[in-house]
Amino acid sequence: MTALPRAARQLGYAGLLPQALCALYVLDGGKWQWTVQAIAFGYAALIFSFLGGVWWGIGIACRDAPRWIFGAAVMPSLLALAAYAPWIIGWEWPGPSLIALGLLLLASPLVDRAIGGLERDWLALRWQLSLGLGGLTTLIGFAALKG
């Protein structure tokens, strides 16, 4: 496969809409700030965990995938759970957790790059979507710290 299917691109970009709406709401200072921040965290955590599933699938499908890919594949779920822990414990949340999750999303294409052998179009889309979702999540986190 040398070019991504059009649907992959369109649905990938559409996947940024929930976080963009959360960011607009949070920045507008609406009444349900905490709820929207919690939704933004949950959405970012789900997508980050989904990336782990993608890496696991690459490890299963590609015989020449690096041996460490399965360890990397379970990390997004564990890291998202760790970012959720402060909320459960009652520490300051959701600002720091959103920022941490946003930074992890921003860095996630580095794993794709390290895997090697992936299509250029795939890597370009991954960078775009990760910059979008990671950036929006980090923005929402900083807004939560101010609020």
C-alpha atoms as a PDB file:
ATOM      1  CA  MET A   1       0.000   0.000   0.000  1.00  0.00           C
ATOM      2  CA  THR A   2       1.591   3.247  -1.097  1.00  0.00           C
ATOM      3  CA  ALA A   3      -1.262   5.680  -0.488  1.00  0.00           C
ATOM      4  CA  LEU A   4      -3.687   5.795   2.384  1.00  0.00           C
ATOM      5  CA  PRO A   5      -7.331   5.274   1.558  1.00  0.00           C
ATOM      6  CA  ARG A   6      -9.267   8.537   1.469  1.00  0.00           C
ATOM      7  CA  ALA A   7     -11.559   7.298   4.248  1.00  0.00           C
ATOM      8  CA  ALA A   8      -8.575   6.783   6.565  1.00  0.00           C
ATOM      9  CA  ARG A   9      -7.591  10.416   6.148  1.00  0.00           C
ATOM     10  CA  GLN A  10     -11.101  11.801   6.443  1.00  0.00           C
ATOM     11  CA  LEU A  11     -12.047   9.732   9.475  1.00  0.00           C
ATOM     12  CA  GLY A  12      -8.679  10.438  11.080  1.00  0.00           C
ATOM     13  CA  TYR A  13      -9.224  14.178  10.807  1.00  0.00           C
ATOM     14  CA  ALA A  14     -12.847  13.789  11.932  1.00  0.00           C
ATOM     15  CA  GLY A  15     -11.452  12.131  15.038  1.00  0.00           C
ATOM     16  CA  LEU A  16     -10.033  15.509  16.048  1.00  0.00           C
ATOM     17  CA  LEU A  17     -13.506  17.082  16.220  1.00  0.00           C
ATOM     18  CA  PRO A  18     -14.521  15.863  19.713  1.00  0.00           C
ATOM     19  CA  GLN A  19     -11.326  17.294  21.237  1.00  0.00           C
ATOM     20  CA  ALA A  20     -11.634  20.505  19.218  1.00  0.00           C
ATOM     21  CA  LEU A  21     -15.180  20.983  20.515  1.00  0.00           C
ATOM     22  CA  CYS A  22     -13.989  20.352  24.075  1.00  0.00           C
ATOM     23  CA  ALA A  23     -11.203  22.912  23.600  1.00  0.00           C
ATOM     24  CA  LEU A  24     -13.628  25.524  22.264  1.00  0.00           C
ATOM     25  CA  TYR A  25     -15.985  24.947  25.180  1.00  0.00           C
ATOM     26  CA  VAL A  26     -13.228  25.087  27.790  1.00  0.00           C
ATOM     27  CA  LEU A  27     -11.692  28.228  26.313  1.00  0.00           C
ATOM     28  CA  ASP A  28     -15.141  29.851  26.123  1.00  0.00           C
ATOM     29  CA  GLY A  29     -15.551  29.356  29.874  1.00  0.00           C
ATOM     30  CA  GLY A  30     -18.832  27.456  29.742  1.00  0.00           C
ATOM     31  CA  LYS A  31     -20.703  26.255  32.805  1.00  0.00           C
ATOM     32  CA  TRP A  32     -19.662  22.582  32.640  1.00  0.00           C
ATOM     33  CA  GLN A  33     -15.879  23.049  32.609  1.00  0.00           C
ATOM     34  CA  TRP A  34     -14.978  20.088  34.763  1.00  0.00           C
ATOM     35  CA  THR A  35     -17.276  17.738  32.852  1.00  0.00           C
ATOM     36  CA  VAL A  36     -15.865  18.825  29.482  1.00  0.00           C
ATOM     37  CA  GLN A  37     -12.305  18.426  30.809  1.00  0.00           C
ATOM     38  CA  ALA A  38     -13.178  14.907  31.973  1.00  0.00           C
ATOM     39  CA  ILE A  39     -14.620  14.115  28.527  1.00  0.00           C
ATOM     40  CA  ALA A  40     -11.457  15.479  26.897  1.00  0.00           C
ATOM     41  CA  PHE A  41      -9.290  13.322  29.143  1.00  0.00           C
ATOM     42  CA  GLY A  42     -11.365  10.220  28.477  1.00  0.00           C
ATOM     43  CA  TYR A  43     -11.292  10.749  24.721  1.00  0.00           C
ATOM     44  CA  ALA A  44      -7.531  11.344  24.653  1.00  0.00           C
ATOM     45  CA  ALA A  45      -6.940   8.271  26.847  1.00  0.00           C
ATOM     46  CA  LEU A  46      -9.092   6.118  24.561  1.00  0.00           C
ATOM     47  CA  ILE A  47      -7.251   7.248  21.444  1.00  0.00           C
ATOM     48  CA  PHE A  48      -3.859   6.793  23.122  1.00  0.00           C
ATOM     49  CA  SER A  49      -4.853   3.243  24.123  1.00  0.00           C
ATOM     50  CA  PHE A  50      -6.059   2.649  20.561  1.00  0.00           C
ATOM     51  CA  LEU A  51      -2.556   3.518  19.337  1.00  0.00           C
ATOM     52  CA  GLY A  52      -1.217   0.728  21.509  1.00  0.00           C
ATOM     53  CA  GLY A  53      -3.606  -1.622  19.717  1.00  0.00           C
ATOM     54  CA  VAL A  54      -2.318  -0.363  16.376  1.00  0.00           C
ATOM     55  CA  TRP A  55       1.264  -1.082  17.449  1.00  0.00           C
ATOM     56  CA  TRP A  56       0.248  -4.551  18.663  1.00  0.00           C
ATOM     57  CA  GLY A  57      -1.378  -5.200  15.279  1.00  0.00           C
ATOM     58  CA  ILE A  58       1.764  -4.067  13.470  1.00  0.00           C
ATOM     59  CA  GLY A  59       3.790  -6.442  15.647  1.00  0.00           C
ATOM     60  CA  ILE A  60       1.493  -9.347  14.781  1.00  0.00           C
ATOM     61  CA  ALA A  61       1.207  -8.533  11.059  1.00  0.00           C
ATOM     62  CA  CYS A  62       4.836  -7.663  10.284  1.00  0.00           C
ATOM     63  CA  ARG A  63       7.342 -10.446  10.788  1.00  0.00           C
ATOM     64  CA  ASP A  64      10.224  -7.965  10.767  1.00  0.00           C
ATOM     65  CA  ALA A  65       8.722  -5.707  13.464  1.00  0.00           C
ATOM     66  CA  PRO A  66      11.120  -4.996  16.338  1.00  0.00           C
ATOM     67  CA  ARG A  67      10.910  -7.329  19.323  1.00  0.00           C
ATOM     68  CA  TRP A  68      10.148  -4.447  21.699  1.00  0.00           C
ATOM     69  CA  ILE A  69       6.929  -3.515  19.886  1.00  0.00           C
ATOM     70  CA  PHE A  70       4.681  -5.561  22.185  1.00  0.00           C
ATOM     71  CA  GLY A  71       6.096  -3.846  25.270  1.00  0.00           C
ATOM     72  CA  ALA A  72       5.547  -0.489  23.605  1.00  0.00           C
ATOM     73  CA  ALA A  73       2.030  -1.552  22.639  1.00  0.00           C
ATOM     74  CA  VAL A  74       0.866  -2.046  26.233  1.00  0.00           C
ATOM     75  CA  MET A  75       2.386   1.217  27.477  1.00  0.00           C
ATOM     76  CA  PRO A  76      -0.318   3.638  26.234  1.00  0.00           C
ATOM     77  CA  SER A  77      -3.035   1.940  28.281  1.00  0.00           C
ATOM     78  CA  LEU A  78      -0.828   1.777  31.370  1.00  0.00           C
ATOM     79  CA  LEU A  79       0.300   5.397  31.018  1.00  0.00           C
ATOM     80  CA  ALA A  80      -3.280   6.597  30.471  1.00  0.00           C
ATOM     81  CA  LEU A  81      -4.313   4.712  33.612  1.00  0.00           C
ATOM     82  CA  ALA A  82      -1.427   6.312  35.532  1.00  0.00           C
ATOM     83  CA  ALA A  83      -2.559   9.747  34.320  1.00  0.00           C
ATOM     84  CA  TYR A  84      -6.061   8.924  35.590  1.00  0.00           C
ATOM     85  CA  ALA A  85      -4.804   7.921  39.056  1.00  0.00           C
ATOM     86  CA  PRO A  86      -4.581  11.470  40.500  1.00  0.00           C
ATOM     87  CA  TRP A  87      -8.319  11.881  39.912  1.00  0.00           C
ATOM     88  CA  ILE A  88      -9.057   8.636  41.739  1.00  0.00           C
ATOM     89  CA  ILE A  89      -6.771   9.550  44.654  1.00  0.00           C
ATOM     90  CA  GLY A  90      -8.184  13.073  44.892  1.00  0.00           C
ATOM     91  CA  TRP A  91      -5.051  14.963  43.920  1.00  0.00           C
ATOM     92  CA  GLU A  92      -5.083  17.922  41.560  1.00  0.00           C
ATOM     93  CA  TRP A  93      -6.864  16.916  38.425  1.00  0.00           C
ATOM     94  CA  PRO A  94      -7.519  17.219  35.462  1.00  0.00           C
ATOM     95  CA  GLY A  95      -4.982  19.867  34.374  1.00  0.00           C
ATOM     96  CA  PRO A  96      -1.738  17.990  35.041  1.00  0.00           C
ATOM     97  CA  SER A  97      -3.198  14.713  33.778  1.00  0.00           C
ATOM     98  CA  LEU A  98      -4.411  16.325  30.542  1.00  0.00           C
ATOM     99  CA  ILE A  99      -1.011  17.917  29.992  1.00  0.00           C
ATOM    100  CA  ALA A 100       0.801  14.622  30.599  1.00  0.00           C
ATOM    101  CA  LEU A 101      -1.525  12.756  28.254  1.00  0.00           C
ATOM    102  CA  GLY A 102      -1.219  15.497  25.624  1.00  0.00           C
ATOM    103  CA  LEU A 103       2.567  15.321  25.723  1.00  0.00           C
ATOM    104  CA  LEU A 104       2.476  11.537  25.398  1.00  0.00           C
ATOM    105  CA  LEU A 105       0.221  11.853  22.350  1.00  0.00           C
ATOM    106  CA  LEU A 106       2.560  14.447  20.854  1.00  0.00           C
ATOM    107  CA  ALA A 107       5.493  12.049  21.255  1.00  0.00           C
ATOM    108  CA  SER A 108       3.662   8.906  20.103  1.00  0.00           C
ATOM    109  CA  PRO A 109       4.681   9.120  16.408  1.00  0.00           C
ATOM    110  CA  LEU A 110       8.269   8.615  17.547  1.00  0.00           C
ATOM    111  CA  VAL A 111       7.295   5.010  18.271  1.00  0.00           C
ATOM    112  CA  ASP A 112       5.967   4.617  14.713  1.00  0.00           C
ATOM    113  CA  ARG A 113       9.210   6.055  13.411  1.00  0.00           C
ATOM    114  CA  ALA A 114      11.282   3.696  15.555  1.00  0.00           C
ATOM    115  CA  ILE A 115       9.280   0.680  14.352  1.00  0.00           C
ATOM    116  CA  GLY A 116      10.569   1.381  10.863  1.00  0.00           C
ATOM    117  CA  GLY A 117       9.272   0.121   7.553  1.00  0.00           C
ATOM    118  CA  LEU A 118       5.963   1.994   7.787  1.00  0.00           C
ATOM    119  CA  GLU A 119       4.529   3.858   4.824  1.00  0.00           C
ATOM    120  CA  ARG A 120       5.396   7.535   4.469  1.00  0.00           C
ATOM    121  CA  ASP A 121       1.733   8.529   4.117  1.00  0.00           C
ATOM    122  CA  TRP A 122       0.896   6.661   7.314  1.00  0.00           C
ATOM    123  CA  LEU A 123       3.692   8.397   9.226  1.00  0.00           C
ATOM    124  CA  ALA A 124       2.652  11.808   7.885  1.00  0.00           C
ATOM    125  CA  LEU A 125      -0.951  11.247   8.952  1.00  0.00           C
ATOM    126  CA  ARG A 126       0.157   9.982  12.373  1.00  0.00           C
ATOM    127  CA  TRP A 127       2.221  13.143  12.920  1.00  0.00           C
ATOM    128  CA  GLN A 128      -0.670  15.380  11.868  1.00  0.00           C
ATOM    129  CA  LEU A 129      -3.247  13.632  14.023  1.00  0.00           C
ATOM    130  CA  SER A 130      -0.927  13.364  17.025  1.00  0.00           C
ATOM    131  CA  LEU A 131       0.007  17.025  16.814  1.00  0.00           C
ATOM    132  CA  GLY A 132      -3.674  17.865  16.578  1.00  0.00           C
ATOM    133  CA  LEU A 133      -4.958  15.672  19.401  1.00  0.00           C
ATOM    134  CA  GLY A 134      -1.901  16.082  21.600  1.00  0.00           C
ATOM    135  CA  GLY A 135      -1.883  19.841  21.104  1.00  0.00           C
ATOM    136  CA  LEU A 136      -5.599  20.202  21.851  1.00  0.00           C
ATOM    137  CA  THR A 137      -5.327  17.967  24.919  1.00  0.00           C
ATOM    138  CA  THR A 138      -2.358  19.956  26.238  1.00  0.00           C
ATOM    139  CA  LEU A 139      -4.220  23.218  25.593  1.00  0.00           C
ATOM    140  CA  ILE A 140      -7.236  21.961  27.531  1.00  0.00           C
ATOM    141  CA  GLY A 141      -4.900  20.918  30.357  1.00  0.00           C
ATOM    142  CA  PHE A 142      -3.331  24.366  30.610  1.00  0.00           C
ATOM    143  CA  ALA A 143      -6.795  25.954  30.521  1.00  0.00           C
ATOM    144  CA  ALA A 144      -7.803  23.659  33.402  1.00  0.00           C
ATOM    145  CA  LEU A 145      -4.827  24.885  35.449  1.00  0.00           C
ATOM    146  CA  LYS A 146      -5.943  28.489  34.976  1.00  0.00           C
ATOM    147  CA  GLY A 147      -9.573  27.751  35.798  1.00  0.00           C
END
